[in-house]
Amino acid sequence: MIKIVNIIETNISMKDNKLMDHQSRVLEVSDWQEYVSLFVDYNGKANGRDYKTLYNNLMGCVMPNTATINTLKYDDFHLTCNFNLYNGMEETKLAFLIK
């Protein structure tokens, strides 16, 4: 039996200290450690695009191309990542493992 977990993922976009956008979605992922590894092992290439999104149609990558991670913190069910995009946008990604 394949175990699947659900993760609430929120993206907050800022530019010049102004809130530009925020979005949340629920992803189906094999396990929490797989999701965390997308950040820990991030090499500048987009990843996580193949995860199924539940409850809405917000598609896209977990981490985009050419981002620069500034801070990454995680534990057994929370993740916070702050990063910069090539276009000057600052993003914060919040993730929570639904048990």
N, C-alpha and C. Protein backbone atom coordinates (compact mmCIF):
# COMPACT_ATOMS: atom_id res chain seq x y z
N MET A 1 0.84 -1.18 0.00
CA MET A 1 0.00 0.00 0.00
C MET A 1 0.89 1.25 0.00
N ILE A 2 0.60 2.16 -0.91
CA ILE A 2 1.36 3.40 -1.01
C ILE A 2 0.74 4.43 -0.07
N LYS A 3 1.59 5.01 0.77
CA LYS A 3 1.12 6.03 1.70
C LYS A 3 1.18 7.40 1.01
N ILE A 4 0.13 8.15 1.14
CA ILE A 4 0.06 9.51 0.59
C ILE A 4 -0.26 10.45 1.74
N VAL A 5 0.42 11.59 1.77
CA VAL A 5 0.10 12.61 2.77
C VAL A 5 -0.37 13.86 2.04
N ASN A 6 -1.09 14.69 2.75
CA ASN A 6 -1.54 15.97 2.21
C ASN A 6 -0.79 17.09 2.90
N ILE A 7 -0.40 18.08 2.10
CA ILE A 7 0.36 19.22 2.59
C ILE A 7 -0.34 20.49 2.14
N ILE A 8 -0.61 21.38 3.10
CA ILE A 8 -1.12 22.71 2.76
C ILE A 8 0.10 23.57 2.44
N GLU A 9 0.10 24.16 1.26
CA GLU A 9 1.21 24.98 0.82
C GLU A 9 0.70 26.39 0.52
N THR A 10 1.32 27.40 1.13
CA THR A 10 0.94 28.79 0.92
C THR A 10 2.13 29.55 0.36
N ASN A 11 1.90 30.32 -0.69
CA ASN A 11 2.92 31.18 -1.28
C ASN A 11 2.52 32.62 -1.06
N ILE A 12 3.46 33.41 -0.56
CA ILE A 12 3.26 34.84 -0.34
C ILE A 12 4.30 35.57 -1.16
N SER A 13 3.86 36.45 -2.07
CA SER A 13 4.76 37.19 -2.96
C SER A 13 4.81 38.65 -2.56
N MET A 14 6.03 39.17 -2.45
CA MET A 14 6.25 40.56 -2.05
C MET A 14 7.21 41.22 -3.04
N LYS A 15 7.04 42.51 -3.23
CA LYS A 15 8.00 43.30 -4.00
C LYS A 15 8.06 44.68 -3.36
N ASP A 16 9.27 45.13 -3.07
CA ASP A 16 9.47 46.43 -2.40
C ASP A 16 8.62 46.53 -1.13
N ASN A 17 8.60 45.44 -0.36
CA ASN A 17 7.86 45.36 0.91
C ASN A 17 6.35 45.52 0.76
N LYS A 18 5.83 45.28 -0.44
CA LYS A 18 4.39 45.32 -0.67
C LYS A 18 3.91 43.92 -1.02
N LEU A 19 2.79 43.53 -0.42
CA LEU A 19 2.18 42.24 -0.74
C LEU A 19 1.64 42.28 -2.15
N MET A 20 2.12 41.38 -2.99
CA MET A 20 1.68 41.34 -4.39
C MET A 20 0.62 40.25 -4.61
N ASP A 21 0.76 39.12 -3.90
CA ASP A 21 -0.15 38.00 -4.12
C ASP A 21 0.02 37.01 -2.98
N HIS A 22 -1.01 36.20 -2.76
CA HIS A 22 -0.90 35.04 -1.87
C HIS A 22 -1.86 33.98 -2.36
N GLN A 23 -1.42 32.73 -2.26
CA GLN A 23 -2.22 31.60 -2.72
C GLN A 23 -1.95 30.41 -1.83
N SER A 24 -2.95 29.56 -1.66
CA SER A 24 -2.78 28.32 -0.91
C SER A 24 -3.38 27.18 -1.71
N ARG A 25 -2.77 26.01 -1.54
CA ARG A 25 -3.28 24.80 -2.18
C ARG A 25 -2.95 23.62 -1.30
N VAL A 26 -3.62 22.50 -1.55
CA VAL A 26 -3.34 21.25 -0.85
C VAL A 26 -2.75 20.29 -1.88
N LEU A 27 -1.58 19.74 -1.55
CA LEU A 27 -0.89 18.81 -2.43
C LEU A 27 -0.93 17.39 -1.87
N GLU A 28 -1.00 16.42 -2.77
CA GLU A 28 -0.80 15.02 -2.40
C GLU A 28 0.65 14.67 -2.68
N VAL A 29 1.35 14.19 -1.66
CA VAL A 29 2.78 13.88 -1.76
C VAL A 29 3.01 12.51 -1.13
N SER A 30 4.02 11.80 -1.59
CA SER A 30 4.32 10.47 -1.05
C SER A 30 4.60 10.52 0.45
N ASP A 31 5.44 11.46 0.88
CA ASP A 31 5.69 11.63 2.31
C ASP A 31 6.32 12.99 2.56
N TRP A 32 6.33 13.39 3.81
CA TRP A 32 6.83 14.70 4.20
C TRP A 32 8.30 14.87 3.84
N GLN A 33 9.12 13.86 4.06
CA GLN A 33 10.55 13.97 3.77
C GLN A 33 10.81 14.20 2.29
N GLU A 34 10.01 13.61 1.43
CA GLU A 34 10.15 13.85 -0.01
C GLU A 34 9.92 15.32 -0.33
N TYR A 35 8.89 15.89 0.28
CA TYR A 35 8.58 17.30 0.07
C TYR A 35 9.72 18.19 0.58
N VAL A 36 10.20 17.94 1.79
CA VAL A 36 11.28 18.72 2.37
C VAL A 36 12.53 18.64 1.50
N SER A 37 12.79 17.49 0.92
CA SER A 37 13.99 17.32 0.08
C SER A 37 13.97 18.22 -1.15
N LEU A 38 12.79 18.66 -1.59
CA LEU A 38 12.72 19.59 -2.72
C LEU A 38 13.40 20.91 -2.39
N PHE A 39 13.46 21.26 -1.13
CA PHE A 39 14.10 22.49 -0.66
C PHE A 39 15.56 22.24 -0.28
N VAL A 40 15.77 21.19 0.51
CA VAL A 40 17.12 20.88 0.99
C VAL A 40 18.06 20.59 -0.18
N ASP A 41 17.57 19.88 -1.19
CA ASP A 41 18.39 19.48 -2.34
C ASP A 41 18.18 20.38 -3.55
N TYR A 42 17.55 21.52 -3.37
CA TYR A 42 17.24 22.42 -4.49
C TYR A 42 18.52 22.85 -5.21
N ASN A 43 18.50 22.72 -6.54
CA ASN A 43 19.69 23.03 -7.35
C ASN A 43 19.44 24.14 -8.38
N GLY A 44 18.40 24.91 -8.18
CA GLY A 44 18.09 26.00 -9.10
C GLY A 44 17.14 25.62 -10.21
N LYS A 45 16.74 24.35 -10.26
CA LYS A 45 15.80 23.90 -11.29
C LYS A 45 14.43 23.70 -10.68
N ALA A 46 13.39 24.04 -11.44
CA ALA A 46 12.02 23.88 -10.98
C ALA A 46 11.78 22.42 -10.57
N ASN A 47 11.00 22.24 -9.50
CA ASN A 47 10.70 20.89 -9.04
C ASN A 47 9.30 20.82 -8.45
N GLY A 48 8.81 19.62 -8.25
CA GLY A 48 7.51 19.41 -7.60
C GLY A 48 6.30 19.70 -8.46
N ARG A 49 6.49 19.81 -9.76
CA ARG A 49 5.37 20.14 -10.66
C ARG A 49 4.34 19.01 -10.79
N ASP A 50 4.75 17.78 -10.54
CA ASP A 50 3.88 16.62 -10.79
C ASP A 50 2.94 16.26 -9.64
N TYR A 51 3.00 16.96 -8.54
CA TYR A 51 2.12 16.63 -7.43
C TYR A 51 0.68 16.99 -7.77
N LYS A 52 -0.22 16.15 -7.31
CA LYS A 52 -1.64 16.39 -7.53
C LYS A 52 -2.11 17.48 -6.57
N THR A 53 -2.89 18.43 -7.09
CA THR A 53 -3.48 19.50 -6.29
C THR A 53 -4.93 19.15 -6.00
N LEU A 54 -5.32 19.26 -4.75
CA LEU A 54 -6.69 18.97 -4.34
C LEU A 54 -7.46 20.27 -4.11
N TYR A 55 -8.76 20.25 -4.35
CA TYR A 55 -9.70 21.32 -4.00
C TYR A 55 -9.66 22.55 -4.88
N ASN A 56 -8.64 22.73 -5.70
CA ASN A 56 -8.62 23.88 -6.61
C ASN A 56 -7.73 23.54 -7.80
N ASN A 57 -7.54 24.48 -8.69
CA ASN A 57 -6.74 24.22 -9.89
C ASN A 57 -5.42 25.00 -9.88
N LEU A 58 -4.87 25.30 -8.71
CA LEU A 58 -3.60 26.02 -8.63
C LEU A 58 -2.47 25.04 -8.94
N MET A 59 -2.01 25.09 -10.16
CA MET A 59 -0.95 24.20 -10.61
C MET A 59 0.38 24.94 -10.53
N GLY A 60 1.46 24.21 -10.63
CA GLY A 60 2.77 24.84 -10.68
C GLY A 60 3.79 24.09 -9.87
N CYS A 61 4.95 24.64 -9.83
CA CYS A 61 6.09 24.02 -9.16
C CYS A 61 6.06 24.32 -7.67
N VAL A 62 6.71 23.46 -6.92
CA VAL A 62 6.94 23.75 -5.51
C VAL A 62 8.03 24.82 -5.42
N MET A 63 9.17 24.57 -6.06
CA MET A 63 10.23 25.57 -6.16
C MET A 63 10.42 25.90 -7.64
N PRO A 64 10.48 27.19 -7.98
CA PRO A 64 10.61 27.60 -9.38
C PRO A 64 12.07 27.59 -9.84
N ASN A 65 12.26 27.82 -11.12
CA ASN A 65 13.60 27.94 -11.70
C ASN A 65 14.33 29.15 -11.13
N THR A 66 15.61 29.01 -10.96
CA THR A 66 16.57 30.08 -10.63
C THR A 66 16.23 30.91 -9.40
N ALA A 67 15.62 30.30 -8.41
CA ALA A 67 15.38 31.01 -7.15
C ALA A 67 16.62 30.90 -6.27
N THR A 68 16.76 31.87 -5.37
CA THR A 68 17.84 31.86 -4.39
C THR A 68 17.22 31.75 -3.01
N ILE A 69 17.47 30.63 -2.33
CA ILE A 69 16.92 30.43 -0.99
C ILE A 69 17.71 31.26 0.01
N ASN A 70 16.99 32.05 0.80
CA ASN A 70 17.60 32.87 1.84
C ASN A 70 17.54 32.17 3.20
N THR A 71 16.38 31.66 3.55
CA THR A 71 16.22 30.92 4.80
C THR A 71 15.34 29.71 4.56
N LEU A 72 15.64 28.66 5.27
CA LEU A 72 14.85 27.43 5.21
C LEU A 72 14.81 26.86 6.62
N LYS A 73 13.59 26.67 7.13
CA LYS A 73 13.39 26.06 8.45
C LYS A 73 12.29 25.02 8.31
N TYR A 74 12.49 23.89 8.97
CA TYR A 74 11.46 22.86 8.93
C TYR A 74 11.59 21.95 10.15
N ASP A 75 10.48 21.31 10.47
CA ASP A 75 10.46 20.29 11.50
C ASP A 75 9.61 19.14 10.97
N ASP A 76 8.98 18.39 11.85
CA ASP A 76 8.24 17.20 11.41
C ASP A 76 6.93 17.51 10.72
N PHE A 77 6.47 18.77 10.77
CA PHE A 77 5.21 19.09 10.08
C PHE A 77 5.07 20.54 9.65
N HIS A 78 6.10 21.38 9.83
CA HIS A 78 6.10 22.76 9.35
C HIS A 78 7.30 22.97 8.43
N LEU A 79 7.14 23.84 7.44
CA LEU A 79 8.27 24.28 6.63
C LEU A 79 8.05 25.75 6.29
N THR A 80 9.12 26.54 6.42
CA THR A 80 9.12 27.94 6.01
C THR A 80 10.35 28.16 5.15
N CYS A 81 10.15 28.72 3.97
CA CYS A 81 11.27 29.00 3.08
C CYS A 81 11.08 30.40 2.50
N ASN A 82 12.11 31.23 2.65
CA ASN A 82 12.13 32.56 2.03
C ASN A 82 13.13 32.52 0.89
N PHE A 83 12.72 33.02 -0.27
CA PHE A 83 13.61 33.00 -1.43
C PHE A 83 13.33 34.17 -2.35
N ASN A 84 14.30 34.48 -3.19
CA ASN A 84 14.19 35.55 -4.19
C ASN A 84 14.08 34.93 -5.57
N LEU A 85 13.31 35.58 -6.42
CA LEU A 85 13.17 35.18 -7.81
C LEU A 85 14.01 36.09 -8.70
N TYR A 86 14.24 35.66 -9.92
CA TYR A 86 15.05 36.42 -10.88
C TYR A 86 14.50 37.82 -11.14
N ASN A 87 13.19 38.03 -10.98
CA ASN A 87 12.55 39.31 -11.32
C ASN A 87 12.47 40.28 -10.14
N GLY A 88 13.17 39.97 -9.06
CA GLY A 88 13.17 40.86 -7.90
C GLY A 88 12.07 40.58 -6.89
N MET A 89 11.20 39.65 -7.19
CA MET A 89 10.15 39.29 -6.24
C MET A 89 10.75 38.48 -5.10
N GLU A 90 10.20 38.70 -3.91
CA GLU A 90 10.56 37.92 -2.74
C GLU A 90 9.37 37.02 -2.43
N GLU A 91 9.64 35.76 -2.17
CA GLU A 91 8.58 34.81 -1.88
C GLU A 91 8.80 34.16 -0.53
N THR A 92 7.71 33.89 0.14
CA THR A 92 7.73 33.06 1.32
C THR A 92 6.81 31.89 1.05
N LYS A 93 7.33 30.71 1.30
CA LYS A 93 6.52 29.50 1.16
C LYS A 93 6.34 28.92 2.55
N LEU A 94 5.10 28.68 2.92
CA LEU A 94 4.74 28.05 4.17
C LEU A 94 4.10 26.70 3.84
N ALA A 95 4.49 25.67 4.54
CA ALA A 95 3.90 24.35 4.31
C ALA A 95 3.58 23.70 5.64
N PHE A 96 2.47 22.95 5.65
CA PHE A 96 2.04 22.27 6.86
C PHE A 96 1.56 20.88 6.48
N LEU A 97 2.10 19.87 7.15
CA LEU A 97 1.70 18.50 6.92
C LEU A 97 0.39 18.24 7.64
N ILE A 98 -0.62 17.81 6.89
CA ILE A 98 -1.90 17.44 7.49
C ILE A 98 -1.80 15.98 7.92
N LYS A 99 -1.99 15.73 9.19
CA LYS A 99 -1.88 14.35 9.70
C LYS A 99 -3.19 13.65 9.63
